[in-house]
Protein backbone atom coordinates (compact mmCIF):
# COMPACT_ATOMS: atom_id res chain seq x y z
CA MET A 1 36.80 53.63 6.87
CA SER A 2 39.42 51.39 5.30
CA GLU A 3 39.10 49.99 1.79
CA ALA A 4 38.79 46.38 3.07
CA ALA A 5 35.96 47.39 5.41
CA ARG A 6 34.15 49.12 2.54
CA GLU A 7 34.44 45.99 0.38
CA ARG A 8 33.05 43.85 3.20
CA LEU A 9 30.23 46.32 3.78
CA LEU A 10 29.41 46.36 0.07
CA ALA A 11 29.35 42.53 -0.06
CA LEU A 12 27.11 42.49 3.03
CA ARG A 13 24.68 45.01 1.46
CA LYS A 14 24.51 42.96 -1.76
CA GLY A 15 23.81 39.82 0.27
CA ILE A 16 21.05 41.57 2.22
CA GLU A 17 19.52 42.89 -1.00
CA ARG A 18 19.57 39.41 -2.58
CA GLY A 19 17.98 37.97 0.57
CA ARG A 20 15.31 40.67 0.54
CA ALA A 21 14.58 40.04 -3.15
CA LEU A 22 14.31 36.30 -2.53
CA LEU A 23 12.01 36.88 0.44
CA ASP A 24 9.81 39.17 -1.69
CA GLN A 25 9.58 36.46 -4.37
CA LEU A 26 8.65 33.81 -1.81
CA LEU A 27 5.97 36.03 -0.28
CA ALA A 28 4.55 36.81 -3.74
CA LEU A 29 4.45 33.09 -4.53
CA ALA A 30 2.72 32.38 -1.23
CA ARG A 31 0.11 35.09 -1.98
CA VAL A 32 -0.58 33.64 -5.43
CA GLN A 33 -0.90 30.11 -4.08
CA SER A 34 -3.24 31.17 -1.29
CA GLU A 35 -5.53 32.87 -3.79
CA VAL A 36 -6.19 29.65 -5.69
CA ALA A 37 -9.90 28.91 -5.60
CA ALA A 38 -10.99 25.95 -3.55
CA PRO A 39 -12.54 23.03 -5.45
CA CYS A 40 -16.27 23.35 -5.95
CA ALA A 41 -17.13 19.86 -4.71
CA ASP A 42 -15.83 18.22 -1.56
CA VAL A 43 -14.08 14.95 -2.33
CA SER A 44 -13.82 12.42 0.43
CA ILE A 45 -11.32 9.59 0.15
CA GLN A 46 -13.68 7.46 2.19
CA ASP A 47 -16.44 8.00 -0.38
CA VAL A 48 -14.09 7.10 -3.21
CA PHE A 49 -12.99 3.89 -1.46
CA ARG A 50 -16.59 3.04 -0.64
CA SER A 51 -17.58 3.45 -4.30
CA VAL A 52 -14.67 1.35 -5.53
CA LEU A 53 -15.39 -1.44 -3.04
CA TRP A 54 -19.09 -1.36 -3.83
CA GLY A 55 -18.35 -1.61 -7.55
CA ALA A 56 -15.88 -4.45 -7.04
CA GLY A 57 -18.33 -6.32 -4.81
CA PHE A 58 -21.09 -5.88 -7.37
CA ALA A 59 -18.82 -7.10 -10.17
CA ILE A 60 -17.57 -10.26 -8.44
CA HIS A 61 -20.74 -11.22 -6.57
CA LYS A 62 -22.24 -13.46 -9.26
CA PRO A 63 -19.02 -15.32 -10.15
CA LEU A 64 -18.31 -15.94 -6.46
CA ALA A 65 -21.85 -17.17 -5.88
CA ARG A 66 -21.19 -20.03 -8.34
CA ILE A 67 -18.26 -21.36 -6.27
CA PRO A 68 -19.33 -23.88 -3.62
CA GLN A 69 -19.09 -22.43 -0.13
CA ASN A 70 -16.73 -25.08 1.25
CA THR A 71 -14.34 -24.64 -1.70
CA LEU A 72 -14.30 -20.90 -1.11
CA LYS A 73 -13.61 -21.41 2.61
CA PHE A 74 -10.83 -23.86 1.76
CA ALA A 75 -9.09 -21.35 -0.56
CA VAL A 76 -9.56 -18.45 1.86
CA GLY A 77 -8.10 -20.55 4.69
CA ALA A 78 -5.01 -21.35 2.63
CA MET A 79 -4.57 -17.70 1.69
CA LEU A 80 -4.98 -16.49 5.28
CA SER A 81 -2.44 -19.06 6.45
CA ALA A 82 0.00 -17.93 3.75
CA PHE A 83 -0.39 -14.28 4.69
CA GLY A 84 -0.04 -15.14 8.38
CA VAL A 85 3.26 -16.96 7.84
CA PHE A 86 4.54 -14.15 5.63
CA TRP A 87 3.60 -11.39 8.09
CA ILE A 88 5.09 -13.24 11.04
CA GLY A 89 8.30 -13.57 9.05
CA GLU A 90 8.19 -9.88 8.15
CA GLY A 91 7.81 -9.03 11.83
CA LEU A 92 10.86 -11.16 12.59
CA HIS A 93 12.76 -9.53 9.66
CA VAL A 94 13.11 -12.77 7.71
CA PRO A 95 14.65 -12.12 4.25
CA TRP A 96 12.17 -13.88 1.95
CA PRO A 97 13.40 -15.15 -1.41
CA GLY A 98 11.43 -13.23 -4.01
CA GLU A 99 10.45 -10.70 -1.34
CA ASP A 100 6.66 -10.10 -1.53
CA LEU A 101 6.13 -12.89 -4.07
CA ALA A 102 6.91 -15.36 -1.27
CA VAL A 103 3.22 -15.03 -0.30
CA VAL A 104 2.23 -16.76 -3.56
CA GLY A 105 4.67 -19.57 -2.82
CA PHE A 106 3.23 -20.00 0.66
CA ALA A 107 -0.32 -20.04 -0.72
CA VAL A 108 0.59 -22.73 -3.25
CA LEU A 109 2.38 -24.71 -0.55
CA PHE A 110 -0.59 -24.54 1.83
CA LEU A 111 -3.01 -25.51 -0.96
CA LEU A 112 -0.88 -28.50 -2.00
CA VAL A 113 -0.48 -29.72 1.58
CA ALA A 114 -4.18 -29.27 2.32
CA LEU A 115 -5.28 -30.98 -0.90
CA SER A 116 -2.95 -33.92 -0.24
CA ALA A 117 -4.29 -34.15 3.33
CA VAL A 118 -7.86 -34.20 2.03
CA ALA A 119 -6.96 -36.93 -0.48
CA ALA A 120 -5.25 -38.98 2.23
CA ILE A 121 -8.24 -38.65 4.56
CA ARG A 122 -10.65 -39.67 1.78
CA ASN A 123 -8.54 -42.72 0.91
CA SER A 124 -8.21 -43.79 4.56
CA GLY A 125 -12.01 -43.47 4.95
CA LYS A 126 -12.64 -45.75 1.95
CA LYS A 127 -10.22 -48.38 3.27
CA ALA A 128 -11.91 -48.32 6.66
CA LEU A 129 -15.30 -48.97 5.04
CA LEU A 130 -14.04 -52.00 3.10
C-alpha cells in the first residue's frame, strides 16, 4: 500500500473513532436523561389557568360590581370595537404606528367619539323638549 493511501486510511480511522466516541457520549447522555425521575404530582396547564382566572375573577368582582352596568357595557363596546379595527388591520397587514399600542389609540378614539355622540344626543333631546 502506498504512503498516501496509508495516510488517508489513518485519517479515516481517526475520524471513525471520533465519531464512535461522540456517539457513545450522546448515548450516555440520553441514558442519563431518560433515567430522570418523573415529577411526583401531575401539573395541568388547564388547572393552572383555571386557578389564575378564578383568582382574578374573585379579586375584581367587588370593584366591578360598583360600576353601573350601562357604563361597563359602554366601555366594553368601545374596547371591542378598538380590538376589531386593530385585528382587521392586522389581517390586512396594515403597518400600525406604534404597532400593538395602536389598540389603545383606537380605544381612546372610540370612547371620545361615543361620548361626544352621547352628549350631542342629550343636548338635542333637551332642545326638542323646550
